[in-house]
Amino acid sequence: MMKYSIHKEGFKMLLVCGLVLLVVNLTLDYLLPKSIWLILTELFSGVAILFLIFFFRIPRKNIALQNDHFVIAPASGKIVAIEEVFESEYFKDKRIQVSIFMSPTNVHVNLNPISGTVKYTKYHPGKYLVAWHPKSSIKNERHTTVIGHNEHDMDILVRQIAGKVARKIKNYLDEGEQVLQGKELGFIKLGSRVDLFLPLGTKINVKLKEKVVGGKTLLAEMMVCDDEV
């Protein structure tokens, strides 16, 4: 059975929420002793704290799959898009977009899909359309990261996108940094989406509506040139 711990992004929210709920419950206990409203408030407080603990859970052990030719899922959730699109921010050419929608019940840590060098990282303020909206990738608040593989001539763009509820994107990477496949890239709070932009010809190993697990699901395979074999 897999064991979980609380992600560092959840400590502050749990502390603030816990203190607020404690003050509210103590105040109601003083003003309305043995009241049905006090009981309901205490039940609500317990559910709220349990939900936050559940939302900020992460696996204790790093079980990420690592392989030079694999592109692993950077997030846990459901595949909502696989299509050829024009990527206008960094590549400025056609790419294969694979999008993963993370519901509030998914683990929300984001992972590096490949090992390599961070070539680009940029935060963009924006709107808060629902995360599965087709325009959310270019209109919502988002953070774009490009990782270049150190051995293969392949760059991958990872875009963290805020949703209708998610209003906080965390990205831990800096340009020029060397990163390992499966290690933390960032975190998005309370429901969100992650888009990957891959070179044309990349072998995609997932299907629409398929559920994937961050760090474990083999999302795609790099095309290896003859001179690399």
C-alpha atoms as a PDB file:
ATOM      1  CA  MET A   1       0.000   0.000   0.000  1.00  0.00           C
ATOM      2  CA  MET A   2       1.438   3.350  -1.050  1.00  0.00           C
ATOM      3  CA  LYS A   3       2.174   5.825   1.738  1.00  0.00           C
ATOM      4  CA  TYR A   4       1.709   9.573   1.375  1.00  0.00           C
ATOM      5  CA  SER A   5       3.020  12.722   3.015  1.00  0.00           C
ATOM      6  CA  ILE A   6       1.967  16.384   2.809  1.00  0.00           C
ATOM      7  CA  HIS A   7       3.544  18.516   0.089  1.00  0.00           C
ATOM      8  CA  LYS A   8       5.399  21.637   1.247  1.00  0.00           C
ATOM      9  CA  GLU A   9       2.878  23.848  -0.584  1.00  0.00           C
ATOM     10  CA  GLY A  10       0.156  22.609   1.758  1.00  0.00           C
ATOM     11  CA  PHE A  11       1.732  23.448   5.120  1.00  0.00           C
ATOM     12  CA  LYS A  12       0.926  27.178   5.066  1.00  0.00           C
ATOM     13  CA  MET A  13      -2.637  26.678   3.834  1.00  0.00           C
ATOM     14  CA  LEU A  14      -3.292  23.984   6.433  1.00  0.00           C
ATOM     15  CA  LEU A  15      -1.914  26.209   9.193  1.00  0.00           C
ATOM     16  CA  VAL A  16      -3.928  29.277   8.175  1.00  0.00           C
ATOM     17  CA  CYS A  17      -7.115  27.291   7.575  1.00  0.00           C
ATOM     18  CA  GLY A  18      -6.697  25.419  10.860  1.00  0.00           C
ATOM     19  CA  LEU A  19      -6.214  28.621  12.870  1.00  0.00           C
ATOM     20  CA  VAL A  20      -9.217  30.328  11.251  1.00  0.00           C
ATOM     21  CA  LEU A  21     -11.466  27.341  11.858  1.00  0.00           C
ATOM     22  CA  LEU A  22     -10.216  27.043  15.441  1.00  0.00           C
ATOM     23  CA  VAL A  23     -11.094  30.688  16.162  1.00  0.00           C
ATOM     24  CA  VAL A  24     -14.521  30.301  14.546  1.00  0.00           C
ATOM     25  CA  ASN A  25     -15.294  27.150  16.526  1.00  0.00           C
ATOM     26  CA  LEU A  26     -14.122  28.610  19.858  1.00  0.00           C
ATOM     27  CA  THR A  27     -16.188  31.749  19.243  1.00  0.00           C
ATOM     28  CA  LEU A  28     -19.306  29.751  18.426  1.00  0.00           C
ATOM     29  CA  ASP A  29     -18.685  27.498  21.419  1.00  0.00           C
ATOM     30  CA  TYR A  30     -18.714  30.604  23.636  1.00  0.00           C
ATOM     31  CA  LEU A  31     -21.756  32.223  21.999  1.00  0.00           C
ATOM     32  CA  LEU A  32     -23.819  29.135  21.148  1.00  0.00           C
ATOM     33  CA  PRO A  33     -22.957  26.315  23.580  1.00  0.00           C
ATOM     34  CA  LYS A  34     -24.455  22.930  22.662  1.00  0.00           C
ATOM     35  CA  SER A  35     -26.013  24.430  19.543  1.00  0.00           C
ATOM     36  CA  ILE A  36     -26.772  22.426  16.401  1.00  0.00           C
ATOM     37  CA  TRP A  37     -24.933  25.162  14.482  1.00  0.00           C
ATOM     38  CA  LEU A  38     -21.799  24.511  16.542  1.00  0.00           C
ATOM     39  CA  ILE A  39     -21.975  20.801  15.727  1.00  0.00           C
ATOM     40  CA  LEU A  40     -22.432  21.528  12.018  1.00  0.00           C
ATOM     41  CA  THR A  41     -19.526  23.990  12.049  1.00  0.00           C
ATOM     42  CA  GLU A  42     -17.249  21.472  13.744  1.00  0.00           C
ATOM     43  CA  LEU A  43     -18.204  18.836  11.168  1.00  0.00           C
ATOM     44  CA  PHE A  44     -17.554  21.285   8.334  1.00  0.00           C
ATOM     45  CA  SER A  45     -14.175  22.187   9.849  1.00  0.00           C
ATOM     46  CA  GLY A  46     -13.157  18.549  10.058  1.00  0.00           C
ATOM     47  CA  VAL A  47     -14.169  17.874   6.447  1.00  0.00           C
ATOM     48  CA  ALA A  48     -12.308  20.996   5.235  1.00  0.00           C
ATOM     49  CA  ILE A  49      -9.082  19.972   6.960  1.00  0.00           C
ATOM     50  CA  LEU A  50      -9.347  16.395   5.687  1.00  0.00           C
ATOM     51  CA  PHE A  51      -9.905  17.679   2.132  1.00  0.00           C
ATOM     52  CA  LEU A  52      -6.786  19.870   2.290  1.00  0.00           C
ATOM     53  CA  ILE A  53      -4.720  16.963   3.633  1.00  0.00           C
ATOM     54  CA  PHE A  54      -6.051  14.781   0.803  1.00  0.00           C
ATOM     55  CA  PHE A  55      -5.421  17.439  -1.859  1.00  0.00           C
ATOM     56  CA  PHE A  56      -1.814  18.155  -0.833  1.00  0.00           C
ATOM     57  CA  ARG A  57      -0.837  14.483  -0.518  1.00  0.00           C
ATOM     58  CA  ILE A  58       2.202  13.211  -2.418  1.00  0.00           C
ATOM     59  CA  PRO A  59       3.720   9.711  -2.572  1.00  0.00           C
ATOM     60  CA  ARG A  60       6.478   9.324   0.025  1.00  0.00           C
ATOM     61  CA  LYS A  61       8.749   7.365  -2.279  1.00  0.00           C
ATOM     62  CA  ASN A  62       9.940   8.606  -5.644  1.00  0.00           C
ATOM     63  CA  ILE A  63       8.689   5.893  -7.970  1.00  0.00           C
ATOM     64  CA  ALA A  64       9.265   7.845 -11.173  1.00  0.00           C
ATOM     65  CA  LEU A  65      10.098   5.892 -14.307  1.00  0.00           C
ATOM     66  CA  GLN A  66      13.416   6.996 -15.853  1.00  0.00           C
ATOM     67  CA  ASN A  67      14.521   6.262 -19.428  1.00  0.00           C
ATOM     68  CA  ASP A  68      16.403   8.412 -21.960  1.00  0.00           C
ATOM     69  CA  HIS A  69      13.949   7.628 -24.761  1.00  0.00           C
ATOM     70  CA  PHE A  70      10.738   8.001 -22.750  1.00  0.00           C
ATOM     71  CA  VAL A  71       8.570  11.034 -22.076  1.00  0.00           C
ATOM     72  CA  ILE A  72       6.743  10.355 -18.815  1.00  0.00           C
ATOM     73  CA  ALA A  73       3.505  11.953 -17.658  1.00  0.00           C
ATOM     74  CA  PRO A  74       4.316  15.206 -15.801  1.00  0.00           C
ATOM     75  CA  ALA A  75       1.035  15.053 -13.874  1.00  0.00           C
ATOM     76  CA  SER A  76      -1.719  12.697 -12.757  1.00  0.00           C
ATOM     77  CA  GLY A  77      -5.127  13.087 -14.369  1.00  0.00           C
ATOM     78  CA  LYS A  78      -7.066  12.478 -17.572  1.00  0.00           C
ATOM     79  CA  ILE A  79      -5.921  13.039 -21.163  1.00  0.00           C
ATOM     80  CA  VAL A  80      -8.247  15.696 -22.620  1.00  0.00           C
ATOM     81  CA  ALA A  81      -6.410  16.605 -25.842  1.00  0.00           C
ATOM     82  CA  ILE A  82      -4.033  15.007 -28.352  1.00  0.00           C
ATOM     83  CA  GLU A  83      -3.703  17.166 -31.449  1.00  0.00           C
ATOM     84  CA  GLU A  84      -1.350  18.887 -33.851  1.00  0.00           C
ATOM     85  CA  VAL A  85      -1.241  22.618 -33.113  1.00  0.00           C
ATOM     86  CA  PHE A  86       0.856  25.694 -33.822  1.00  0.00           C
ATOM     87  CA  GLU A  87       2.892  26.569 -30.703  1.00  0.00           C
ATOM     88  CA  SER A  88       3.341  30.358 -30.814  1.00  0.00           C
ATOM     89  CA  GLU A  89       5.235  31.193 -27.620  1.00  0.00           C
ATOM     90  CA  TYR A  90       8.591  29.427 -27.975  1.00  0.00           C
ATOM     91  CA  PHE A  91       8.882  27.044 -30.935  1.00  0.00           C
ATOM     92  CA  LYS A  92       6.733  29.044 -33.355  1.00  0.00           C
ATOM     93  CA  ASP A  93       5.993  25.945 -35.395  1.00  0.00           C
ATOM     94  CA  LYS A  94       3.708  22.914 -35.356  1.00  0.00           C
ATOM     95  CA  ARG A  95       3.878  20.505 -32.440  1.00  0.00           C
ATOM     96  CA  ILE A  96       1.880  17.645 -30.951  1.00  0.00           C
ATOM     97  CA  GLN A  97      -0.039  18.886 -27.928  1.00  0.00           C
ATOM     98  CA  VAL A  98      -0.947  16.415 -25.183  1.00  0.00           C
ATOM     99  CA  SER A  99      -3.061  17.839 -22.358  1.00  0.00           C
ATOM    100  CA  ILE A 100      -3.678  16.382 -18.902  1.00  0.00           C
ATOM    101  CA  PHE A 101      -6.581  17.649 -16.774  1.00  0.00           C
ATOM    102  CA  MET A 102      -6.076  17.328 -13.016  1.00  0.00           C
ATOM    103  CA  SER A 103      -9.246  17.257 -10.932  1.00  0.00           C
ATOM    104  CA  PRO A 104      -9.165  18.223  -7.228  1.00  0.00           C
ATOM    105  CA  THR A 105      -8.894  14.508  -6.381  1.00  0.00           C
ATOM    106  CA  ASN A 106      -5.596  13.998  -8.263  1.00  0.00           C
ATOM    107  CA  VAL A 107      -2.092  14.393  -6.837  1.00  0.00           C
ATOM    108  CA  HIS A 108      -1.162  17.909  -7.984  1.00  0.00           C
ATOM    109  CA  VAL A 109       2.620  17.861  -7.999  1.00  0.00           C
ATOM    110  CA  ASN A 110       4.134  18.378 -11.487  1.00  0.00           C
ATOM    111  CA  LEU A 111       7.208  16.421 -12.622  1.00  0.00           C
ATOM    112  CA  ASN A 112       9.895  16.768 -15.293  1.00  0.00           C
ATOM    113  CA  PRO A 113       8.870  14.614 -18.288  1.00  0.00           C
ATOM    114  CA  ILE A 114      12.510  14.175 -19.376  1.00  0.00           C
ATOM    115  CA  SER A 115      16.010  14.820 -18.063  1.00  0.00           C
ATOM    116  CA  GLY A 116      17.892  17.755 -19.544  1.00  0.00           C
ATOM    117  CA  THR A 117      18.604  21.482 -19.393  1.00  0.00           C
ATOM    118  CA  VAL A 118      15.997  24.147 -18.698  1.00  0.00           C
ATOM    119  CA  LYS A 119      16.157  26.415 -21.744  1.00  0.00           C
ATOM    120  CA  TYR A 120      13.209  28.690 -21.019  1.00  0.00           C
ATOM    121  CA  THR A 121      10.861  29.471 -18.135  1.00  0.00           C
ATOM    122  CA  LYS A 122       8.276  32.232 -18.008  1.00  0.00           C
ATOM    123  CA  TYR A 123       5.153  33.112 -16.009  1.00  0.00           C
ATOM    124  CA  HIS A 124       2.126  34.635 -17.769  1.00  0.00           C
ATOM    125  CA  PRO A 125      -0.779  36.307 -15.935  1.00  0.00           C
ATOM    126  CA  GLY A 126      -4.174  35.643 -17.485  1.00  0.00           C
ATOM    127  CA  LYS A 127      -7.810  34.643 -17.125  1.00  0.00           C
ATOM    128  CA  TYR A 128      -9.336  31.746 -15.192  1.00  0.00           C
ATOM    129  CA  LEU A 129     -11.377  29.799 -17.727  1.00  0.00           C
ATOM    130  CA  VAL A 130     -12.230  26.227 -16.798  1.00  0.00           C
ATOM    131  CA  ALA A 131      -9.061  24.172 -17.262  1.00  0.00           C
ATOM    132  CA  TRP A 132     -10.516  21.928 -19.989  1.00  0.00           C
ATOM    133  CA  HIS A 133     -11.491  24.919 -22.144  1.00  0.00           C
ATOM    134  CA  PRO A 134      -9.571  24.816 -25.495  1.00  0.00           C
ATOM    135  CA  LYS A 135      -8.411  28.436 -25.065  1.00  0.00           C
ATOM    136  CA  SER A 136      -7.155  27.996 -21.487  1.00  0.00           C
ATOM    137  CA  SER A 137      -3.688  27.065 -22.788  1.00  0.00           C
ATOM    138  CA  ILE A 138      -3.171  30.578 -24.210  1.00  0.00           C
ATOM    139  CA  LYS A 139      -5.578  32.766 -22.206  1.00  0.00           C
ATOM    140  CA  ASN A 140      -5.370  31.500 -18.614  1.00  0.00           C
ATOM    141  CA  GLU A 141      -2.716  32.244 -16.018  1.00  0.00           C
ATOM    142  CA  ARG A 142       0.114  29.868 -16.891  1.00  0.00           C
ATOM    143  CA  HIS A 143       3.805  29.067 -16.547  1.00  0.00           C
ATOM    144  CA  THR A 144       5.803  27.765 -19.506  1.00  0.00           C
ATOM    145  CA  THR A 145       8.966  25.668 -19.185  1.00  0.00           C
ATOM    146  CA  VAL A 146      11.117  24.258 -21.996  1.00  0.00           C
ATOM    147  CA  ILE A 147      13.487  21.373 -21.252  1.00  0.00           C
ATOM    148  CA  GLY A 148      16.101  20.333 -23.803  1.00  0.00           C
ATOM    149  CA  HIS A 149      17.287  16.726 -23.738  1.00  0.00           C
ATOM    150  CA  ASN A 150      21.041  16.522 -23.172  1.00  0.00           C
ATOM    151  CA  GLU A 151      21.612  13.567 -25.528  1.00  0.00           C
ATOM    152  CA  HIS A 152      18.872  13.791 -28.168  1.00  0.00           C
ATOM    153  CA  ASP A 153      18.065  16.838 -30.275  1.00  0.00           C
ATOM    154  CA  MET A 154      14.653  17.253 -28.670  1.00  0.00           C
ATOM    155  CA  ASP A 155      13.061  20.094 -26.717  1.00  0.00           C
ATOM    156  CA  ILE A 156       9.807  19.652 -24.801  1.00  0.00           C
ATOM    157  CA  LEU A 157       7.563  22.475 -23.661  1.00  0.00           C
ATOM    158  CA  VAL A 158       5.581  21.976 -20.447  1.00  0.00           C
ATOM    159  CA  ARG A 159       2.821  24.481 -19.695  1.00  0.00           C
ATOM    160  CA  GLN A 160       1.203  24.611 -16.255  1.00  0.00           C
ATOM    161  CA  ILE A 161      -2.254  26.184 -16.529  1.00  0.00           C
ATOM    162  CA  ALA A 162      -4.499  27.589 -13.813  1.00  0.00           C
ATOM    163  CA  GLY A 163      -8.215  26.737 -13.966  1.00  0.00           C
ATOM    164  CA  LYS A 164     -11.504  28.164 -12.717  1.00  0.00           C
ATOM    165  CA  VAL A 165     -10.673  27.193  -9.144  1.00  0.00           C
ATOM    166  CA  ALA A 166      -6.872  26.929  -9.300  1.00  0.00           C
ATOM    167  CA  ARG A 167      -5.361  30.363  -8.689  1.00  0.00           C
ATOM    168  CA  LYS A 168      -1.793  29.553  -7.694  1.00  0.00           C
ATOM    169  CA  ILE A 169       0.943  28.096  -9.901  1.00  0.00           C
ATOM    170  CA  LYS A 170       4.335  27.198  -8.470  1.00  0.00           C
ATOM    171  CA  ASN A 171       7.350  26.503 -10.696  1.00  0.00           C
ATOM    172  CA  TYR A 172      10.676  25.532  -9.111  1.00  0.00           C
ATOM    173  CA  LEU A 173      13.010  25.646 -12.137  1.00  0.00           C
ATOM    174  CA  ASP A 174      15.503  28.252 -13.397  1.00  0.00           C
ATOM    175  CA  GLU A 175      16.968  28.710 -16.867  1.00  0.00           C
ATOM    176  CA  GLY A 176      20.225  26.798 -17.299  1.00  0.00           C
ATOM    177  CA  GLU A 177      19.380  24.333 -14.526  1.00  0.00           C
ATOM    178  CA  GLN A 178      20.024  20.626 -15.060  1.00  0.00           C
ATOM    179  CA  VAL A 179      16.933  18.584 -14.177  1.00  0.00           C
ATOM    180  CA  LEU A 180      16.192  14.870 -13.797  1.00  0.00           C
ATOM    181  CA  GLN A 181      13.216  13.028 -15.211  1.00  0.00           C
ATOM    182  CA  GLY A 182      10.556  12.469 -12.562  1.00  0.00           C
ATOM    183  CA  LYS A 183      11.800  15.151 -10.145  1.00  0.00           C
ATOM    184  CA  GLU A 184       9.554  18.046  -9.124  1.00  0.00           C
ATOM    185  CA  LEU A 185       8.906  20.775 -11.667  1.00  0.00           C
ATOM    186  CA  GLY A 186       6.176  22.586  -9.749  1.00  0.00           C
ATOM    187  CA  PHE A 187       2.726  22.457  -8.180  1.00  0.00           C
ATOM    188  CA  ILE A 188      -0.725  23.842  -9.059  1.00  0.00           C
ATOM    189  CA  LYS A 189      -3.344  24.316  -6.355  1.00  0.00           C
ATOM    190  CA  LEU A 190      -6.981  23.203  -6.553  1.00  0.00           C
ATOM    191  CA  GLY A 191      -7.653  21.778 -10.003  1.00  0.00           C
ATOM    192  CA  SER A 192      -5.697  22.568 -13.144  1.00  0.00           C
ATOM    193  CA  ARG A 193      -4.164  21.374 -16.402  1.00  0.00           C
ATOM    194  CA  VAL A 194      -0.724  20.598 -17.840  1.00  0.00           C
ATOM    195  CA  ASP A 195       0.024  20.762 -21.589  1.00  0.00           C
ATOM    196  CA  LEU A 196       3.006  19.143 -23.303  1.00  0.00           C
ATOM    197  CA  PHE A 197       4.219  20.193 -26.754  1.00  0.00           C
ATOM    198  CA  LEU A 198       6.240  17.484 -28.487  1.00  0.00           C
ATOM    199  CA  PRO A 199       8.014  17.362 -31.892  1.00  0.00           C
ATOM    200  CA  LEU A 200       5.999  16.098 -34.833  1.00  0.00           C
ATOM    201  CA  GLY A 201       6.588  12.386 -35.351  1.00  0.00           C
ATOM    202  CA  THR A 202       6.847  11.625 -31.628  1.00  0.00           C
ATOM    203  CA  LYS A 203       5.193   8.295 -30.832  1.00  0.00           C
ATOM    204  CA  ILE A 204       2.254   8.965 -28.500  1.00  0.00           C
ATOM    205  CA  ASN A 205       1.414   6.069 -26.170  1.00  0.00           C
ATOM    206  CA  VAL A 206      -1.806   7.378 -24.572  1.00  0.00           C
ATOM    207  CA  LYS A 207      -5.371   7.906 -25.791  1.00  0.00           C
ATOM    208  CA  LEU A 208      -8.065  10.507 -25.162  1.00  0.00           C
ATOM    209  CA  LYS A 209      -9.841  10.145 -21.808  1.00  0.00           C
ATOM    210  CA  GLU A 210      -7.127   7.770 -20.553  1.00  0.00           C
ATOM    211  CA  LYS A 211      -6.124   8.260 -16.928  1.00  0.00           C
ATOM    212  CA  VAL A 212      -2.399   8.722 -16.375  1.00  0.00           C
ATOM    213  CA  VAL A 213      -0.158   8.777 -13.306  1.00  0.00           C
ATOM    214  CA  GLY A 214       2.582  11.365 -12.963  1.00  0.00           C
ATOM    215  CA  GLY A 215       6.046   9.815 -13.024  1.00  0.00           C
ATOM    216  CA  LYS A 216       4.747   6.371 -13.983  1.00  0.00           C
ATOM    217  CA  THR A 217       2.772   6.530 -17.233  1.00  0.00           C
ATOM    218  CA  LEU A 218       4.807   6.353 -20.437  1.00  0.00           C
ATOM    219  CA  LEU A 219       3.272   9.261 -22.337  1.00  0.00           C
ATOM    220  CA  ALA A 220       5.416   9.203 -25.479  1.00  0.00           C
ATOM    221  CA  GLU A 221       8.642   7.862 -26.993  1.00  0.00           C
ATOM    222  CA  MET A 222      11.346   9.926 -28.679  1.00  0.00           C
ATOM    223  CA  MET A 223      12.221   9.171 -32.263  1.00  0.00           C
ATOM    224  CA  VAL A 224      15.885   8.093 -32.337  1.00  0.00           C
ATOM    225  CA  CYS A 225      17.950   8.989 -35.395  1.00  0.00           C
ATOM    226  CA  ASP A 226      20.081   6.297 -37.035  1.00  0.00           C
ATOM    227  CA  ASP A 227      23.329   8.014 -36.043  1.00  0.00           C
ATOM    228  CA  GLU A 228      22.261   7.881 -32.367  1.00  0.00           C
ATOM    229  CA  VAL A 229      21.804   4.118 -32.340  1.00  0.00           C
END
